[in-house]
């Protein structure tokens, strides 16, 4: 907290530097005086600081972050704008956000949605995530993704039902899962989430912005528009 406050003060000092120049020799702490006189700048300074921190975190990871597990993608695979979602099939808010993502895809033909399986809520979430990646290998990720959320929280029964609904080759999927080949990808997703400050699901990254929770279609849409313009 002290580091954050120091950073904000430094940022505000930069904004206010010109105004304070004439008084720097007369006051012991001109920055404090300015903040006391203009407290309304603090929320703006906080927002600017958070945006800079996000940009610093996202920038070095962008290439890896926006490269999906082969097939684990929704929308336009060749889209110019990329939305990354960290998702857990046991997450109620992820389920609620499914229609938001579908509507955003319909409204933005250039939108590529990279889904990063982030199974953190229950052990069965890991089983569902592995099956989702097996579905991706078979070119049936979107069908499984939709069916898994539609059929309810992950259990052995709902995972198998979703796999059948998506017309997966279950023997092939189970054999791929048994090799442990998907676990490294799930570990990578967890590491990326930690580095980006994604604290739960759903988590979103688009352009230079990272967001946590069911933030809604409008807010994600605004981020998409900003990313397209940048």
Protein backbone atom coordinates (compact mmCIF):
# COMPACT_ATOMS: atom_id res chain seq x y z
CA UNK A 1 0.00 0.00 0.00
CA UNK A 2 2.81 2.43 0.86
CA UNK A 3 4.50 1.66 -2.48
CA UNK A 4 1.24 2.28 -4.33
CA UNK A 5 0.66 5.56 -2.50
CA UNK A 6 4.22 6.65 -3.23
CA UNK A 7 3.72 5.85 -6.91
CA UNK A 8 0.47 7.80 -7.02
CA UNK A 9 2.08 10.79 -5.36
CA UNK A 10 4.94 10.64 -7.84
CA UNK A 11 2.47 10.42 -10.72
CA UNK A 12 0.39 13.32 -9.43
CA UNK A 13 3.56 15.29 -8.84
CA UNK A 14 4.30 14.91 -12.53
CA UNK A 15 0.84 16.21 -13.40
CA UNK A 16 1.15 19.09 -11.00
CA UNK A 17 4.80 19.94 -11.52
CA UNK A 18 4.24 23.05 -13.57
CA UNK A 19 1.69 24.42 -11.16
CA UNK A 20 4.00 23.89 -8.20
CA UNK A 21 7.18 25.25 -9.73
CA UNK A 22 6.76 28.77 -8.39
CA UNK A 23 6.11 27.53 -4.88
CA UNK A 24 8.76 24.85 -4.56
CA UNK A 25 11.01 27.09 -2.53
CA UNK A 26 8.27 28.28 -0.20
CA UNK A 27 6.64 25.07 0.98
CA UNK A 28 8.19 22.07 2.67
CA UNK A 29 5.96 19.60 0.77
CA UNK A 30 4.35 21.23 -2.29
CA UNK A 31 3.04 17.90 -3.63
CA UNK A 32 1.09 17.29 -0.44
CA UNK A 33 -0.27 20.83 -0.58
CA UNK A 34 -1.42 20.28 -4.15
CA UNK A 35 -3.10 16.96 -3.29
CA UNK A 36 -4.89 18.52 -0.32
CA UNK A 37 -6.14 21.32 -2.54
CA UNK A 38 -7.06 19.03 -5.45
CA UNK A 39 -8.06 15.59 -4.06
CA UNK A 40 -10.14 14.95 -7.17
CA UNK A 41 -6.95 14.07 -9.07
CA UNK A 42 -6.32 10.96 -6.96
CA UNK A 43 -8.85 8.62 -8.66
CA UNK A 44 -7.54 9.70 -12.06
CA UNK A 45 -3.97 9.15 -10.92
CA UNK A 46 -4.88 5.71 -9.56
CA UNK A 47 -6.46 4.74 -12.88
CA UNK A 48 -3.45 5.92 -14.89
CA UNK A 49 -1.09 4.04 -12.58
CA UNK A 50 -3.11 0.83 -12.82
CA UNK A 51 -3.17 1.11 -16.61
CA UNK A 52 0.59 1.54 -16.72
CA UNK A 53 1.09 -1.45 -14.43
CA UNK A 54 -1.19 -3.58 -16.61
CA UNK A 55 0.65 -2.56 -19.76
CA UNK A 56 3.96 -3.44 -18.14
CA UNK A 57 2.68 -6.89 -17.18
CA UNK A 58 0.86 -7.71 -20.41
CA UNK A 59 3.41 -6.46 -22.92
CA UNK A 60 6.14 -9.09 -22.43
CA UNK A 61 3.55 -11.89 -22.28
CA UNK A 62 1.39 -10.88 -25.22
CA UNK A 63 2.80 -13.31 -27.76
CA UNK A 64 2.44 -16.33 -25.50
CA UNK A 65 -0.87 -15.14 -24.07
CA UNK A 66 -2.58 -14.72 -27.42
CA UNK A 67 -1.29 -18.01 -28.84
CA UNK A 68 -3.99 -20.59 -28.06
CA UNK A 69 -3.68 -24.27 -27.41
CA UNK A 70 -4.28 -25.58 -30.94
CA UNK A 71 -8.02 -25.54 -31.51
CA UNK A 72 -8.99 -23.95 -28.18
CA UNK A 73 -10.44 -20.90 -29.82
CA UNK A 74 -13.81 -19.30 -30.51
CA UNK A 75 -14.81 -16.71 -33.08
CA UNK A 76 -12.55 -15.91 -36.01
CA UNK A 77 -9.28 -17.91 -35.83
CA UNK A 78 -7.65 -15.30 -38.08
CA UNK A 79 -9.18 -12.31 -36.32
CA UNK A 80 -7.24 -9.07 -35.94
CA UNK A 81 -8.47 -8.45 -32.37
CA UNK A 82 -7.83 -11.02 -29.65
CA UNK A 83 -9.83 -11.49 -26.45
CA UNK A 84 -8.30 -13.90 -23.94
CA UNK A 85 -10.58 -15.53 -21.38
CA UNK A 86 -9.41 -17.53 -18.36
CA UNK A 87 -12.27 -19.91 -17.66
CA UNK A 88 -13.38 -22.71 -15.31
CA UNK A 89 -16.34 -24.98 -16.13
CA UNK A 90 -17.39 -24.91 -12.47
CA UNK A 91 -17.59 -21.11 -12.55
CA UNK A 92 -21.13 -19.74 -12.46
CA UNK A 93 -19.96 -16.36 -13.70
CA UNK A 94 -18.17 -17.99 -16.64
CA UNK A 95 -21.43 -19.69 -17.53
CA UNK A 96 -23.27 -16.37 -17.29
CA UNK A 97 -20.63 -14.72 -19.49
CA UNK A 98 -21.00 -17.32 -22.24
CA UNK A 99 -23.83 -15.41 -23.92
CA UNK A 100 -21.82 -12.17 -23.68
CA UNK A 101 -18.95 -13.81 -25.56
CA UNK A 102 -21.31 -15.23 -28.17
CA UNK A 103 -22.88 -11.82 -28.77
CA UNK A 104 -19.49 -10.13 -28.97
CA UNK A 105 -18.36 -12.68 -31.57
CA UNK A 106 -21.53 -12.06 -33.58
CA UNK A 107 -21.02 -8.29 -33.43
CA UNK A 108 -17.28 -8.40 -34.19
CA UNK A 109 -16.37 -10.58 -37.19
CA UNK A 110 -12.68 -9.79 -36.62
CA UNK A 111 -12.71 -11.08 -33.02
CA UNK A 112 -10.60 -14.07 -32.03
CA UNK A 113 -11.36 -15.47 -28.56
CA UNK A 114 -8.57 -17.49 -26.98
CA UNK A 115 -9.87 -19.61 -24.12
CA UNK A 116 -7.33 -20.48 -21.46
CA UNK A 117 -8.55 -23.32 -19.30
CA UNK A 118 -7.98 -22.25 -15.68
CA UNK A 119 -9.52 -25.00 -13.50
CA UNK A 120 -9.22 -23.66 -9.95
CA UNK A 121 -12.62 -24.15 -8.31
CA UNK A 122 -12.93 -27.93 -7.84
CA UNK A 123 -11.08 -31.14 -8.75
CA UNK A 124 -13.63 -31.97 -11.44
CA UNK A 125 -12.78 -28.69 -13.14
CA UNK A 126 -9.40 -30.16 -14.01
CA UNK A 127 -11.03 -33.23 -15.58
CA UNK A 128 -13.32 -30.99 -17.64
CA UNK A 129 -10.39 -28.82 -18.76
CA UNK A 130 -8.44 -31.87 -19.89
CA UNK A 131 -11.43 -33.12 -21.87
CA UNK A 132 -11.82 -29.67 -23.41
CA UNK A 133 -8.24 -29.78 -24.65
CA UNK A 134 -8.81 -33.28 -25.99
CA UNK A 135 -11.84 -31.86 -27.83
CA UNK A 136 -9.62 -29.10 -29.22
CA UNK A 137 -7.27 -31.75 -30.62
CA UNK A 138 -10.22 -33.26 -32.43
CA UNK A 139 -11.41 -29.91 -33.79
CA UNK A 140 -14.51 -29.91 -31.60
CA UNK A 141 -13.60 -27.44 -28.89
CA UNK A 142 -16.46 -24.98 -29.40
CA UNK A 143 -19.06 -27.75 -29.33
CA UNK A 144 -17.66 -29.22 -26.10
CA UNK A 145 -17.25 -25.78 -24.50
CA UNK A 146 -20.88 -24.95 -25.15
CA UNK A 147 -22.18 -28.35 -24.05
CA UNK A 148 -20.11 -28.38 -20.86
CA UNK A 149 -21.55 -25.09 -19.67
CA UNK A 150 -25.05 -26.03 -20.79
CA UNK A 151 -25.08 -29.37 -18.97
CA UNK A 152 -24.09 -28.01 -15.57
CA UNK A 153 -21.14 -28.13 -13.15
CA UNK A 154 -18.43 -30.64 -14.05
CA UNK A 155 -18.88 -34.19 -12.80
CA UNK A 156 -17.85 -37.47 -14.37
CA UNK A 157 -21.36 -37.72 -15.78
CA UNK A 158 -21.65 -34.18 -17.23
CA UNK A 159 -18.14 -34.33 -18.71
CA UNK A 160 -18.91 -37.56 -20.53
CA UNK A 161 -22.31 -36.23 -21.61
CA UNK A 162 -20.71 -33.06 -23.00
CA UNK A 163 -18.10 -35.13 -24.83
CA UNK A 164 -20.81 -37.25 -26.42
CA UNK A 165 -22.86 -34.15 -27.24
CA UNK A 166 -19.82 -32.74 -29.07
CA UNK A 167 -19.37 -36.08 -30.87
CA UNK A 168 -15.88 -36.70 -29.49
CA UNK A 169 -14.03 -39.93 -30.05
CA UNK A 170 -14.00 -40.78 -26.34
CA UNK A 171 -11.41 -43.53 -26.57
CA UNK A 172 -9.03 -41.20 -28.38
CA UNK A 173 -9.75 -38.37 -25.91
CA UNK A 174 -9.16 -40.57 -22.86
CA UNK A 175 -5.95 -41.92 -24.33
CA UNK A 176 -4.67 -38.37 -24.92
CA UNK A 177 -5.60 -37.34 -21.37
CA UNK A 178 -3.88 -40.41 -19.91
CA UNK A 179 -0.55 -39.34 -21.37
CA UNK A 180 -0.58 -36.22 -19.19
CA UNK A 181 0.09 -34.14 -22.29
CA UNK A 182 -2.40 -31.42 -21.33
CA UNK A 183 -1.16 -30.80 -17.81
CA UNK A 184 1.79 -28.64 -18.84
CA UNK A 185 -0.57 -26.33 -20.73
CA UNK A 186 -2.80 -26.00 -17.65
CA UNK A 187 0.26 -25.15 -15.56
CA UNK A 188 1.24 -22.52 -18.11
CA UNK A 189 -2.23 -20.99 -17.90
CA UNK A 190 -1.98 -20.82 -14.11
CA UNK A 191 1.42 -19.14 -14.34
CA UNK A 192 0.14 -16.58 -16.85
CA UNK A 193 -2.86 -15.79 -14.66
CA UNK A 194 -0.58 -15.19 -11.69
CA UNK A 195 1.73 -12.92 -13.68
CA UNK A 196 -1.20 -10.91 -15.03
CA UNK A 197 -2.99 -10.48 -11.72
CA UNK A 198 -5.92 -12.67 -12.77
CA UNK A 199 -7.28 -13.69 -9.37
CA UNK A 200 -10.29 -15.77 -10.38
CA UNK A 201 -12.62 -16.69 -13.20
CA UNK A 202 -13.62 -15.39 -15.56
CA UNK A 203 -10.51 -13.35 -16.21
CA UNK A 204 -10.15 -11.26 -19.36
CA UNK A 205 -7.24 -9.75 -21.24
CA UNK A 206 -7.66 -7.60 -24.32
CA UNK A 207 -5.14 -5.16 -25.66
CA UNK A 208 -3.42 -3.58 -22.66
CA UNK A 209 -6.28 -4.27 -20.27
CA UNK A 210 -6.83 -7.11 -17.82
CA UNK A 211 -10.15 -7.52 -16.00
CA UNK A 212 -11.49 -9.89 -13.36
CA UNK A 213 -15.02 -11.22 -13.03
CA UNK A 214 -18.25 -11.08 -15.00
CA UNK A 215 -17.66 -7.52 -16.13
CA UNK A 216 -20.41 -7.61 -18.76
CA UNK A 217 -20.66 -7.38 -22.53
CA UNK A 218 -20.55 -3.59 -22.67
CA UNK A 219 -17.29 -3.27 -20.76
CA UNK A 220 -15.61 -5.99 -22.80
CA UNK A 221 -16.98 -4.39 -25.96
CA UNK A 222 -15.39 -1.08 -25.00
CA UNK A 223 -12.06 -2.83 -24.49
CA UNK A 224 -12.40 -4.49 -27.90
CA UNK A 225 -13.00 -1.11 -29.53
CA UNK A 226 -9.95 0.37 -27.77
CA UNK A 227 -7.78 -2.57 -28.80
CA UNK A 228 -8.91 -2.23 -32.40
CA UNK A 229 -7.96 1.46 -32.45
CA UNK A 230 -4.56 0.99 -30.84
